Amino acid sequence: MTVGDWLTRRTPPPPPALRARLHSALGDAMAADAIDVADTCLAAAERMMVDLLNGECTSRDSALDLLTADALVTYAFEAAGESPRALARRASDAMRRFAALGVAPPHREQAAAE
């Protein structure tokens, strides 16, 4: 089973616009083995959030991308729930990764002065 197959089996299915954006966000990973669906979805959500944070993420135009990132994280933890022993570790890792996205890197001038 592929990541795409796994997503297709989710109920209820996402609305068409969200489904299309999920497929776009996952790209080639849609054909990856579903055994890695949790990591695949988290990685895609992380990429989307980086793009959103580097752009104008407060406009209405970003709503579908924000919803897609949220859906990817939700799907990741739905898949992770299939292996409950690793759930706490996976949740801690995901929180750490997403929290790090909100930390702005120091300005080059500031870093050079230090």
PDB file of N, CA and C in Angstrom:
ATOM      1  N   MET A   1       0.846  -1.171   0.000  1.00  0.00           N
ATOM      2  CA  MET A   1       0.000   0.000   0.000  1.00  0.00           C
ATOM      3  C   MET A   1       0.894   1.238   0.000  1.00  0.00           C
ATOM      4  N   THR A   2       0.503   2.246  -0.753  1.00  0.00           N
ATOM      5  CA  THR A   2       1.251   3.497  -0.840  1.00  0.00           C
ATOM      6  C   THR A   2       0.635   4.551   0.081  1.00  0.00           C
ATOM      7  N   VAL A   3       1.345   5.648   0.246  1.00  0.00           N
ATOM      8  CA  VAL A   3       0.818   6.781   1.008  1.00  0.00           C
ATOM      9  C   VAL A   3      -0.484   7.253   0.361  1.00  0.00           C
ATOM     10  N   GLY A   4      -0.517   7.315  -0.955  1.00  0.00           N
ATOM     11  CA  GLY A   4      -1.727   7.718  -1.666  1.00  0.00           C
ATOM     12  C   GLY A   4      -2.890   6.777  -1.398  1.00  0.00           C
ATOM     13  N   ASP A   5      -2.609   5.464  -1.396  1.00  0.00           N
ATOM     14  CA  ASP A   5      -3.659   4.482  -1.087  1.00  0.00           C
ATOM     15  C   ASP A   5      -4.178   4.694   0.333  1.00  0.00           C
ATOM     16  N   TRP A   6      -3.258   4.916   1.268  1.00  0.00           N
ATOM     17  CA  TRP A   6      -3.628   5.113   2.669  1.00  0.00           C
ATOM     18  C   TRP A   6      -4.542   6.333   2.803  1.00  0.00           C
ATOM     19  N   LEU A   7      -4.167   7.424   2.144  1.00  0.00           N
ATOM     20  CA  LEU A   7      -4.980   8.641   2.210  1.00  0.00           C
ATOM     21  C   LEU A   7      -6.369   8.428   1.604  1.00  0.00           C
ATOM     22  N   THR A   8      -6.422   7.688   0.524  1.00  0.00           N
ATOM     23  CA  THR A   8      -7.695   7.438  -0.152  1.00  0.00           C
ATOM     24  C   THR A   8      -8.664   6.673   0.753  1.00  0.00           C
ATOM     25  N   ARG A   9      -8.144   5.896   1.672  1.00  0.00           N
ATOM     26  CA  ARG A   9      -8.981   5.088   2.564  1.00  0.00           C
ATOM     27  C   ARG A   9      -9.474   5.849   3.788  1.00  0.00           C
ATOM     28  N   ARG A  10      -9.066   7.098   3.966  1.00  0.00           N
ATOM     29  CA  ARG A  10      -9.504   7.879   5.133  1.00  0.00           C
ATOM     30  C   ARG A  10     -10.966   8.259   4.970  1.00  0.00           C
ATOM     31  N   THR A  11     -11.676   8.173   6.075  1.00  0.00           N
ATOM     32  CA  THR A  11     -13.070   8.608   6.069  1.00  0.00           C
ATOM     33  C   THR A  11     -13.296   9.569   7.223  1.00  0.00           C
ATOM     34  N   PRO A  12     -14.030  10.608   7.026  1.00  0.00           N
ATOM     35  CA  PRO A  12     -14.611  10.977   5.731  1.00  0.00           C
ATOM     36  C   PRO A  12     -13.520  11.519   4.816  1.00  0.00           C
ATOM     37  N   PRO A  13     -13.726  11.433   3.526  1.00  0.00           N
ATOM     38  CA  PRO A  13     -12.715  11.964   2.605  1.00  0.00           C
ATOM     39  C   PRO A  13     -12.682  13.490   2.695  1.00  0.00           C
ATOM     40  N   PRO A  14     -11.525  14.065   2.439  1.00  0.00           N
ATOM     41  CA  PRO A  14     -11.448  15.531   2.466  1.00  0.00           C
ATOM     42  C   PRO A  14     -12.188  16.122   1.272  1.00  0.00           C
ATOM     43  N   PRO A  15     -12.608  17.377   1.393  1.00  0.00           N
ATOM     44  CA  PRO A  15     -13.226  18.053   0.240  1.00  0.00           C
ATOM     45  C   PRO A  15     -12.246  18.066  -0.941  1.00  0.00           C
ATOM     46  N   PRO A  16     -12.754  18.157  -2.152  1.00  0.00           N
ATOM     47  CA  PRO A  16     -11.893  18.083  -3.343  1.00  0.00           C
ATOM     48  C   PRO A  16     -10.715  19.057  -3.348  1.00  0.00           C
ATOM     49  N   ALA A  17     -10.920  20.306  -2.960  1.00  0.00           N
ATOM     50  CA  ALA A  17      -9.818  21.278  -2.983  1.00  0.00           C
ATOM     51  C   ALA A  17      -8.722  20.887  -1.992  1.00  0.00           C
ATOM     52  N   LEU A  18      -9.117  20.414  -0.826  1.00  0.00           N
ATOM     53  CA  LEU A  18      -8.128  19.984   0.169  1.00  0.00           C
ATOM     54  C   LEU A  18      -7.416  18.725  -0.304  1.00  0.00           C
ATOM     55  N   ARG A  19      -8.155  17.801  -0.870  1.00  0.00           N
ATOM     56  CA  ARG A  19      -7.543  16.571  -1.379  1.00  0.00           C
ATOM     57  C   ARG A  19      -6.489  16.896  -2.439  1.00  0.00           C
ATOM     58  N   ALA A  20      -6.822  17.804  -3.346  1.00  0.00           N
ATOM     59  CA  ALA A  20      -5.869  18.184  -4.393  1.00  0.00           C
ATOM     60  C   ALA A  20      -4.625  18.827  -3.791  1.00  0.00           C
ATOM     61  N   ARG A  21      -4.811  19.670  -2.786  1.00  0.00           N
ATOM     62  CA  ARG A  21      -3.661  20.338  -2.154  1.00  0.00           C
ATOM     63  C   ARG A  21      -2.828  19.345  -1.359  1.00  0.00           C
ATOM     64  N   LEU A  22      -3.456  18.363  -0.716  1.00  0.00           N
ATOM     65  CA  LEU A  22      -2.709  17.303  -0.016  1.00  0.00           C
ATOM     66  C   LEU A  22      -1.833  16.543  -0.995  1.00  0.00           C
ATOM     67  N   HIS A  23      -2.411  16.175  -2.129  1.00  0.00           N
ATOM     68  CA  HIS A  23      -1.650  15.434  -3.147  1.00  0.00           C
ATOM     69  C   HIS A  23      -0.485  16.274  -3.655  1.00  0.00           C
ATOM     70  N   SER A  24      -0.726  17.555  -3.862  1.00  0.00           N
ATOM     71  CA  SER A  24       0.329  18.447  -4.323  1.00  0.00           C
ATOM     72  C   SER A  24       1.437  18.574  -3.274  1.00  0.00           C
ATOM     73  N   ALA A  25       1.054  18.729  -2.024  1.00  0.00           N
ATOM     74  CA  ALA A  25       2.040  18.884  -0.941  1.00  0.00           C
ATOM     75  C   ALA A  25       2.886  17.625  -0.772  1.00  0.00           C
ATOM     76  N   LEU A  26       2.275  16.481  -0.961  1.00  0.00           N
ATOM     77  CA  LEU A  26       3.011  15.224  -0.794  1.00  0.00           C
ATOM     78  C   LEU A  26       3.845  14.882  -2.027  1.00  0.00           C
ATOM     79  N   GLY A  27       3.403  15.325  -3.192  1.00  0.00           N
ATOM     80  CA  GLY A  27       4.173  15.114  -4.417  1.00  0.00           C
ATOM     81  C   GLY A  27       4.513  13.655  -4.660  1.00  0.00           C
ATOM     82  N   ASP A  28       5.777  13.391  -4.953  1.00  0.00           N
ATOM     83  CA  ASP A  28       6.243  12.035  -5.250  1.00  0.00           C
ATOM     84  C   ASP A  28       6.067  11.081  -4.081  1.00  0.00           C
ATOM     85  N   ALA A  29       5.955  11.623  -2.874  1.00  0.00           N
ATOM     86  CA  ALA A  29       5.788  10.781  -1.688  1.00  0.00           C
ATOM     87  C   ALA A  29       4.453  10.039  -1.702  1.00  0.00           C
ATOM     88  N   MET A  30       3.530  10.464  -2.547  1.00  0.00           N
ATOM     89  CA  MET A  30       2.248   9.751  -2.662  1.00  0.00           C
ATOM     90  C   MET A  30       2.482   8.290  -3.062  1.00  0.00           C
ATOM     91  N   ALA A  31       3.570   8.033  -3.779  1.00  0.00           N
ATOM     92  CA  ALA A  31       3.878   6.679  -4.238  1.00  0.00           C
ATOM     93  C   ALA A  31       4.754   5.909  -3.263  1.00  0.00           C
ATOM     94  N   ALA A  32       5.162   6.542  -2.165  1.00  0.00           N
ATOM     95  CA  ALA A  32       6.023   5.882  -1.177  1.00  0.00           C
ATOM     96  C   ALA A  32       5.225   4.831  -0.412  1.00  0.00           C
ATOM     97  N   ASP A  33       5.949   3.921   0.197  1.00  0.00           N
ATOM     98  CA  ASP A  33       5.322   2.876   1.002  1.00  0.00           C
ATOM     99  C   ASP A  33       4.596   3.498   2.189  1.00  0.00           C
ATOM    100  N   ALA A  34       3.386   3.057   2.431  1.00  0.00           N
ATOM    101  CA  ALA A  34       2.558   3.616   3.507  1.00  0.00           C
ATOM    102  C   ALA A  34       3.119   3.329   4.892  1.00  0.00           C
ATOM    103  N   ILE A  35       4.089   2.475   5.007  1.00  0.00           N
ATOM    104  CA  ILE A  35       4.686   2.210   6.324  1.00  0.00           C
ATOM    105  C   ILE A  35       5.288   3.488   6.912  1.00  0.00           C
ATOM    106  N   ASP A  36       5.647   4.425   6.043  1.00  0.00           N
ATOM    107  CA  ASP A  36       6.249   5.682   6.472  1.00  0.00           C
ATOM    108  C   ASP A  36       5.277   6.860   6.389  1.00  0.00           C
ATOM    109  N   VAL A  37       3.974   6.601   6.361  1.00  0.00           N
ATOM    110  CA  VAL A  37       3.008   7.673   6.142  1.00  0.00           C
ATOM    111  C   VAL A  37       3.077   8.742   7.227  1.00  0.00           C
ATOM    112  N   ALA A  38       3.305   8.374   8.469  1.00  0.00           N
ATOM    113  CA  ALA A  38       3.366   9.377   9.545  1.00  0.00           C
ATOM    114  C   ALA A  38       4.528  10.339   9.312  1.00  0.00           C
ATOM    115  N   ASP A  39       5.705   9.801   9.058  1.00  0.00           N
ATOM    116  CA  ASP A  39       6.869  10.663   8.812  1.00  0.00           C
ATOM    117  C   ASP A  39       6.708  11.460   7.527  1.00  0.00           C
ATOM    118  N   THR A  40       6.138  10.846   6.514  1.00  0.00           N
ATOM    119  CA  THR A  40       5.940  11.513   5.229  1.00  0.00           C
ATOM    120  C   THR A  40       5.001  12.703   5.377  1.00  0.00           C
ATOM    121  N   CYS A  41       3.907  12.508   6.095  1.00  0.00           N
ATOM    122  CA  CYS A  41       2.944  13.599   6.292  1.00  0.00           C
ATOM    123  C   CYS A  41       3.531  14.714   7.154  1.00  0.00           C
ATOM    124  N   LEU A  42       4.264  14.352   8.208  1.00  0.00           N
ATOM    125  CA  LEU A  42       4.889  15.385   9.047  1.00  0.00           C
ATOM    126  C   LEU A  42       5.909  16.189   8.265  1.00  0.00           C
ATOM    127  N   ALA A  43       6.701  15.521   7.455  1.00  0.00           N
ATOM    128  CA  ALA A  43       7.711  16.226   6.660  1.00  0.00           C
ATOM    129  C   ALA A  43       7.052  17.186   5.673  1.00  0.00           C
ATOM    130  N   ALA A  44       5.964  16.756   5.041  1.00  0.00           N
ATOM    131  CA  ALA A  44       5.262  17.628   4.094  1.00  0.00           C
ATOM    132  C   ALA A  44       4.652  18.825   4.822  1.00  0.00           C
ATOM    133  N   ALA A  45       4.076  18.598   6.001  1.00  0.00           N
ATOM    134  CA  ALA A  45       3.513  19.704   6.787  1.00  0.00           C
ATOM    135  C   ALA A  45       4.608  20.682   7.196  1.00  0.00           C
ATOM    136  N   GLU A  46       5.748  20.165   7.579  1.00  0.00           N
ATOM    137  CA  GLU A  46       6.868  21.022   7.975  1.00  0.00           C
ATOM    138  C   GLU A  46       7.330  21.879   6.793  1.00  0.00           C
ATOM    139  N   ARG A  47       7.446  21.288   5.609  1.00  0.00           N
ATOM    140  CA  ARG A  47       7.833  22.046   4.415  1.00  0.00           C
ATOM    141  C   ARG A  47       6.822  23.151   4.126  1.00  0.00           C
ATOM    142  N   MET A  48       5.541  22.816   4.252  1.00  0.00           N
ATOM    143  CA  MET A  48       4.508  23.819   3.995  1.00  0.00           C
ATOM    144  C   MET A  48       4.604  24.963   4.991  1.00  0.00           C
ATOM    145  N   MET A  49       4.837  24.650   6.249  1.00  0.00           N
ATOM    146  CA  MET A  49       4.922  25.693   7.267  1.00  0.00           C
ATOM    147  C   MET A  49       6.149  26.577   7.042  1.00  0.00           C
ATOM    148  N   VAL A  50       7.247  26.004   6.628  1.00  0.00           N
ATOM    149  CA  VAL A  50       8.435  26.804   6.315  1.00  0.00           C
ATOM    150  C   VAL A  50       8.094  27.781   5.191  1.00  0.00           C
ATOM    151  N   ASP A  51       7.462  27.281   4.141  1.00  0.00           N
ATOM    152  CA  ASP A  51       7.078  28.154   3.026  1.00  0.00           C
ATOM    153  C   ASP A  51       6.118  29.248   3.490  1.00  0.00           C
ATOM    154  N   LEU A  52       5.148  28.894   4.304  1.00  0.00           N
ATOM    155  CA  LEU A  52       4.188  29.877   4.805  1.00  0.00           C
ATOM    156  C   LEU A  52       4.864  30.924   5.680  1.00  0.00           C
ATOM    157  N   LEU A  53       5.742  30.490   6.565  1.00  0.00           N
ATOM    158  CA  LEU A  53       6.424  31.430   7.454  1.00  0.00           C
ATOM    159  C   LEU A  53       7.389  32.340   6.698  1.00  0.00           C
ATOM    160  N   ASN A  54       7.915  31.861   5.589  1.00  0.00           N
ATOM    161  CA  ASN A  54       8.820  32.674   4.778  1.00  0.00           C
ATOM    162  C   ASN A  54       8.062  33.606   3.839  1.00  0.00           C
ATOM    163  N   GLY A  55       6.760  33.414   3.726  1.00  0.00           N
ATOM    164  CA  GLY A  55       5.939  34.235   2.842  1.00  0.00           C
ATOM    165  C   GLY A  55       4.938  35.035   3.638  1.00  0.00           C
ATOM    166  N   GLU A  56       3.859  35.359   2.990  1.00  0.00           N
ATOM    167  CA  GLU A  56       2.783  36.130   3.618  1.00  0.00           C
ATOM    168  C   GLU A  56       1.713  35.152   4.086  1.00  0.00           C
ATOM    169  N   CYS A  57       1.847  34.656   5.316  1.00  0.00           N
ATOM    170  CA  CYS A  57       0.943  33.611   5.790  1.00  0.00           C
ATOM    171  C   CYS A  57      -0.281  34.160   6.513  1.00  0.00           C
ATOM    172  N   THR A  58      -0.459  35.462   6.529  1.00  0.00           N
ATOM    173  CA  THR A  58      -1.615  36.020   7.225  1.00  0.00           C
ATOM    174  C   THR A  58      -2.731  36.430   6.281  1.00  0.00           C
ATOM    175  N   SER A  59      -2.567  36.190   5.016  1.00  0.00           N
ATOM    176  CA  SER A  59      -3.609  36.566   4.060  1.00  0.00           C
ATOM    177  C   SER A  59      -4.580  35.406   3.866  1.00  0.00           C
ATOM    178  N   ARG A  60      -5.738  35.715   3.343  1.00  0.00           N
ATOM    179  CA  ARG A  60      -6.734  34.680   3.063  1.00  0.00           C
ATOM    180  C   ARG A  60      -6.226  33.670   2.044  1.00  0.00           C
ATOM    181  N   ASP A  61      -5.316  34.112   1.207  1.00  0.00           N
ATOM    182  CA  ASP A  61      -4.770  33.212   0.193  1.00  0.00           C
ATOM    183  C   ASP A  61      -4.021  32.037   0.817  1.00  0.00           C
ATOM    184  N   SER A  62      -3.624  32.171   2.067  1.00  0.00           N
ATOM    185  CA  SER A  62      -2.881  31.119   2.753  1.00  0.00           C
ATOM    186  C   SER A  62      -3.778  30.118   3.468  1.00  0.00           C
ATOM    187  N   ALA A  63      -5.068  30.372   3.502  1.00  0.00           N
ATOM    188  CA  ALA A  63      -5.978  29.535   4.284  1.00  0.00           C
ATOM    189  C   ALA A  63      -5.926  28.064   3.878  1.00  0.00           C
ATOM    190  N   LEU A  64      -5.950  27.788   2.587  1.00  0.00           N
ATOM    191  CA  LEU A  64      -5.935  26.393   2.149  1.00  0.00           C
ATOM    192  C   LEU A  64      -4.616  25.721   2.518  1.00  0.00           C
ATOM    193  N   ASP A  65      -3.506  26.452   2.407  1.00  0.00           N
ATOM    194  CA  ASP A  65      -2.216  25.868   2.781  1.00  0.00           C
ATOM    195  C   ASP A  65      -2.147  25.590   4.282  1.00  0.00           C
ATOM    196  N   LEU A  66      -2.685  26.493   5.095  1.00  0.00           N
ATOM    197  CA  LEU A  66      -2.714  26.260   6.542  1.00  0.00           C
ATOM    198  C   LEU A  66      -3.590  25.056   6.873  1.00  0.00           C
ATOM    199  N   LEU A  67      -4.720  24.962   6.221  1.00  0.00           N
ATOM    200  CA  LEU A  67      -5.612  23.824   6.430  1.00  0.00           C
ATOM    201  C   LEU A  67      -4.939  22.529   5.983  1.00  0.00           C
ATOM    202  N   THR A  68      -4.205  22.585   4.900  1.00  0.00           N
ATOM    203  CA  THR A  68      -3.504  21.400   4.394  1.00  0.00           C
ATOM    204  C   THR A  68      -2.422  20.957   5.372  1.00  0.00           C
ATOM    205  N   ALA A  69      -1.650  21.902   5.891  1.00  0.00           N
ATOM    206  CA  ALA A  69      -0.616  21.551   6.877  1.00  0.00           C
ATOM    207  C   ALA A  69      -1.260  20.911   8.102  1.00  0.00           C
ATOM    208  N   ASP A  70      -2.372  21.479   8.554  1.00  0.00           N
ATOM    209  CA  ASP A  70      -3.090  20.911   9.690  1.00  0.00           C
ATOM    210  C   ASP A  70      -3.567  19.493   9.379  1.00  0.00           C
ATOM    211  N   ALA A  71      -4.124  19.287   8.194  1.00  0.00           N
ATOM    212  CA  ALA A  71      -4.605  17.963   7.806  1.00  0.00           C
ATOM    213  C   ALA A  71      -3.461  16.963   7.736  1.00  0.00           C
ATOM    214  N   LEU A  72      -2.315  17.388   7.232  1.00  0.00           N
ATOM    215  CA  LEU A  72      -1.153  16.493   7.157  1.00  0.00           C
ATOM    216  C   LEU A  72      -0.706  16.051   8.549  1.00  0.00           C
ATOM    217  N   VAL A  73      -0.696  16.968   9.500  1.00  0.00           N
ATOM    218  CA  VAL A  73      -0.319  16.611  10.871  1.00  0.00           C
ATOM    219  C   VAL A  73      -1.368  15.674  11.469  1.00  0.00           C
ATOM    220  N   THR A  74      -2.631  15.966  11.222  1.00  0.00           N
ATOM    221  CA  THR A  74      -3.702  15.096  11.716  1.00  0.00           C
ATOM    222  C   THR A  74      -3.558  13.688  11.152  1.00  0.00           C
ATOM    223  N   TYR A  75      -3.324  13.589   9.859  1.00  0.00           N
ATOM    224  CA  TYR A  75      -3.134  12.274   9.234  1.00  0.00           C
ATOM    225  C   TYR A  75      -1.882  11.584   9.781  1.00  0.00           C
ATOM    226  N   ALA A  76      -0.843  12.354  10.014  1.00  0.00           N
ATOM    227  CA  ALA A  76       0.380  11.767  10.558  1.00  0.00           C
ATOM    228  C   ALA A  76       0.108  11.105  11.905  1.00  0.00           C
ATOM    229  N   PHE A  77      -0.662  11.772  12.747  1.00  0.00           N
ATOM    230  CA  PHE A  77      -0.926  11.190  14.060  1.00  0.00           C
ATOM    231  C   PHE A  77      -2.002  10.118  14.018  1.00  0.00           C
ATOM    232  N   GLU A  78      -2.862  10.173  13.030  1.00  0.00           N
ATOM    233  CA  GLU A  78      -3.790   9.060  12.830  1.00  0.00           C
ATOM    234  C   GLU A  78      -2.990   7.804  12.480  1.00  0.00           C
ATOM    235  N   ALA A  79      -2.022   7.958  11.599  1.00  0.00           N
ATOM    236  CA  ALA A  79      -1.165   6.827  11.227  1.00  0.00           C
ATOM    237  C   ALA A  79      -0.292   6.401  12.402  1.00  0.00           C
ATOM    238  N   ALA A  80       0.239   7.366  13.129  1.00  0.00           N
ATOM    239  CA  ALA A  80       1.098   7.046  14.273  1.00  0.00           C
ATOM    240  C   ALA A  80       0.334   6.288  15.347  1.00  0.00           C
ATOM    241  N   GLY A  81      -0.967   6.535  15.453  1.00  0.00           N
ATOM    242  CA  GLY A  81      -1.787   5.830  16.421  1.00  0.00           C
ATOM    243  C   GLY A  81      -1.849   4.332  16.175  1.00  0.00           C
ATOM    244  N   GLU A  82      -1.470   3.921  14.982  1.00  0.00           N
ATOM    245  CA  GLU A  82      -1.427   2.497  14.659  1.00  0.00           C
ATOM    246  C   GLU A  82      -0.241   1.811  15.331  1.00  0.00           C
ATOM    247  N   SER A  83       0.713   2.597  15.843  1.00  0.00           N
ATOM    248  CA  SER A  83       1.870   2.080  16.591  1.00  0.00           C
ATOM    249  C   SER A  83       1.967   2.856  17.901  1.00  0.00           C
ATOM    250  N   PRO A  84       1.090   2.558  18.845  1.00  0.00           N
ATOM    251  CA  PRO A  84       1.004   3.371  20.058  1.00  0.00           C
ATOM    252  C   PRO A  84       2.290   3.425  20.892  1.00  0.00           C
ATOM    253  N   ARG A  85       3.134   2.430  20.802  1.00  0.00           N
ATOM    254  CA  ARG A  85       4.371   2.434  21.592  1.00  0.00           C
ATOM    255  C   ARG A  85       5.295   3.578  21.220  1.00  0.00           C
ATOM    256  N   ALA A  86       5.258   3.997  19.966  1.00  0.00           N
ATOM    257  CA  ALA A  86       6.144   5.064  19.497  1.00  0.00           C
ATOM    258  C   ALA A  86       5.459   6.432  19.497  1.00  0.00           C
ATOM    259  N   LEU A  87       4.223   6.485  19.935  1.00  0.00           N
ATOM    260  CA  LEU A  87       3.439   7.714  19.829  1.00  0.00           C
ATOM    261  C   LEU A  87       4.020   8.858  20.647  1.00  0.00           C
ATOM    262  N   ALA A  88       4.413   8.612  21.878  1.00  0.00           N
ATOM    263  CA  ALA A  88       4.957   9.683  22.727  1.00  0.00           C
ATOM    264  C   ALA A  88       6.247  10.242  22.134  1.00  0.00           C
ATOM    265  N   ARG A  89       7.110   9.382  21.657  1.00  0.00           N
ATOM    266  CA  ARG A  89       8.362   9.830  21.037  1.00  0.00           C
ATOM    267  C   ARG A  89       8.080  10.638  19.781  1.00  0.00           C
ATOM    268  N   ARG A  90       7.156  10.150  18.981  1.00  0.00           N
ATOM    269  CA  ARG A  90       6.814  10.840  17.735  1.00  0.00           C
ATOM    270  C   ARG A  90       6.203  12.209  18.026  1.00  0.00           C
ATOM    271  N   ALA A  91       5.337  12.292  19.035  1.00  0.00           N
ATOM    272  CA  ALA A  91       4.713  13.569  19.394  1.00  0.00           C
ATOM    273  C   ALA A  91       5.760  14.558  19.891  1.00  0.00           C
ATOM    274  N   SER A  92       6.678  14.107  20.714  1.00  0.00           N
ATOM    275  CA  SER A  92       7.742  14.994  21.208  1.00  0.00           C
ATOM    276  C   SER A  92       8.603  15.497  20.071  1.00  0.00           C
ATOM    277  N   ASP A  93       8.944  14.601  19.167  1.00  0.00           N
ATOM    278  CA  ASP A  93       9.758  14.984  18.018  1.00  0.00           C
ATOM    279  C   ASP A  93       9.029  16.003  17.150  1.00  0.00           C
ATOM    280  N   ALA A  94       7.753  15.762  16.898  1.00  0.00           N
ATOM    281  CA  ALA A  94       6.970  16.687  16.065  1.00  0.00           C
ATOM    282  C   ALA A  94       6.863  18.053  16.734  1.00  0.00           C
ATOM    283  N   MET A  95       6.607  18.085  18.038  1.00  0.00           N
ATOM    284  CA  MET A  95       6.504  19.373  18.739  1.00  0.00           C
ATOM    285  C   MET A  95       7.821  20.132  18.666  1.00  0.00           C
ATOM    286  N   ARG A  96       8.920  19.423  18.834  1.00  0.00           N
ATOM    287  CA  ARG A  96      10.240  20.052  18.769  1.00  0.00           C
ATOM    288  C   ARG A  96      10.495  20.623  17.368  1.00  0.00           C
ATOM    289  N   ARG A  97      10.177  19.843  16.347  1.00  0.00           N
ATOM    290  CA  ARG A  97      10.407  20.292  14.970  1.00  0.00           C
ATOM    291  C   ARG A  97       9.561  21.507  14.625  1.00  0.00           C
ATOM    292  N   PHE A  98       8.286  21.480  14.995  1.00  0.00           N
ATOM    293  CA  PHE A  98       7.410  22.599  14.655  1.00  0.00           C
ATOM    294  C   PHE A  98       7.710  23.829  15.501  1.00  0.00           C
ATOM    295  N   ALA A  99       8.086  23.640  16.750  1.00  0.00           N
ATOM    296  CA  ALA A  99       8.445  24.788  17.596  1.00  0.00           C
ATOM    297  C   ALA A  99       9.681  25.489  17.046  1.00  0.00           C
ATOM    298  N   ALA A 100      10.609  24.724  16.502  1.00  0.00           N
ATOM    299  CA  ALA A 100      11.832  25.299  15.948  1.00  0.00           C
ATOM    300  C   ALA A 100      11.541  26.180  14.736  1.00  0.00           C
ATOM    301  N   LEU A 101      10.435  25.950  14.067  1.00  0.00           N
ATOM    302  CA  LEU A 101      10.095  26.763  12.894  1.00  0.00           C
ATOM    303  C   LEU A 101       9.789  28.202  13.285  1.00  0.00           C
ATOM    304  N   GLY A 102       9.336  28.408  14.504  1.00  0.00           N
ATOM    305  CA  GLY A 102       8.982  29.741  14.957  1.00  0.00           C
ATOM    306  C   GLY A 102      10.146  30.546  15.480  1.00  0.00           C
ATOM    307  N   VAL A 103      11.314  29.944  15.550  1.00  0.00           N
ATOM    308  CA  VAL A 103      12.502  30.635  16.041  1.00  0.00           C
ATOM    309  C   VAL A 103      13.202  31.278  14.859  1.00  0.00           C
ATOM    310  N   ALA A 104      13.233  32.601  14.867  1.00  0.00           N
ATOM    311  CA  ALA A 104      13.862  33.326  13.764  1.00  0.00           C
ATOM    312  C   ALA A 104      15.379  33.214  13.876  1.00  0.00           C
ATOM    313  N   PRO A 105      16.040  32.911  12.776  1.00  0.00           N
ATOM    314  CA  PRO A 105      17.503  32.884  12.817  1.00  0.00           C
ATOM    315  C   PRO A 105      18.032  34.298  13.036  1.00  0.00           C
ATOM    316  N   PRO A 106      19.191  34.434  13.698  1.00  0.00           N
ATOM    317  CA  PRO A 106      19.729  35.776  13.918  1.00  0.00           C
ATOM    318  C   PRO A 106      20.080  36.426  12.586  1.00  0.00           C
ATOM    319  N   HIS A 107      19.953  37.756  12.554  1.00  0.00           N
ATOM    320  CA  HIS A 107      20.336  38.493  11.348  1.00  0.00           C
ATOM    321  C   HIS A 107      21.836  38.300  11.124  1.00  0.00           C
ATOM    322  N   ARG A 108      22.259  38.303   9.890  1.00  0.00           N
ATOM    323  CA  ARG A 108      23.669  38.078   9.568  1.00  0.00           C
ATOM    324  C   ARG A 108      24.562  39.109  10.226  1.00  0.00           C
ATOM    325  N   GLU A 109      24.116  40.360  10.233  1.00  0.00           N
ATOM    326  CA  GLU A 109      24.931  41.414  10.837  1.00  0.00           C
ATOM    327  C   GLU A 109      25.084  41.172  12.345  1.00  0.00           C
ATOM    328  N   GLN A 110      23.991  40.780  12.976  1.00  0.00           N
ATOM    329  CA  GLN A 110      24.014  40.525  14.408  1.00  0.00           C
ATOM    330  C   GLN A 110      24.915  39.335  14.721  1.00  0.00           C
ATOM    331  N   ALA A 111      24.815  38.269  13.923  1.00  0.00           N
ATOM    332  CA  ALA A 111      25.618  37.081  14.143  1.00  0.00           C
ATOM    333  C   ALA A 111      27.102  37.392  13.925  1.00  0.00           C
ATOM    334  N   ALA A 112      27.423  38.230  12.946  1.00  0.00           N
ATOM    335  CA  ALA A 112      28.818  38.572  12.666  1.00  0.00           C
ATOM    336  C   ALA A 112      29.404  39.410  13.804  1.00  0.00           C
ATOM    337  N   ALA A 113      28.584  40.246  14.436  1.00  0.00           N
ATOM    338  CA  ALA A 113      29.069  41.099  15.520  1.00  0.00           C
ATOM    339  C   ALA A 113      29.330  40.319  16.796  1.00  0.00           C
ATOM    340  N   GLU A 114      28.690  39.170  16.943  1.00  0.00           N
ATOM    341  CA  GLU A 114      28.839  38.391  18.185  1.00  0.00           C
ATOM    342  C   GLU A 114      30.043  37.534  18.176  1.00  0.00           C
TER     343      GLU A 114
END
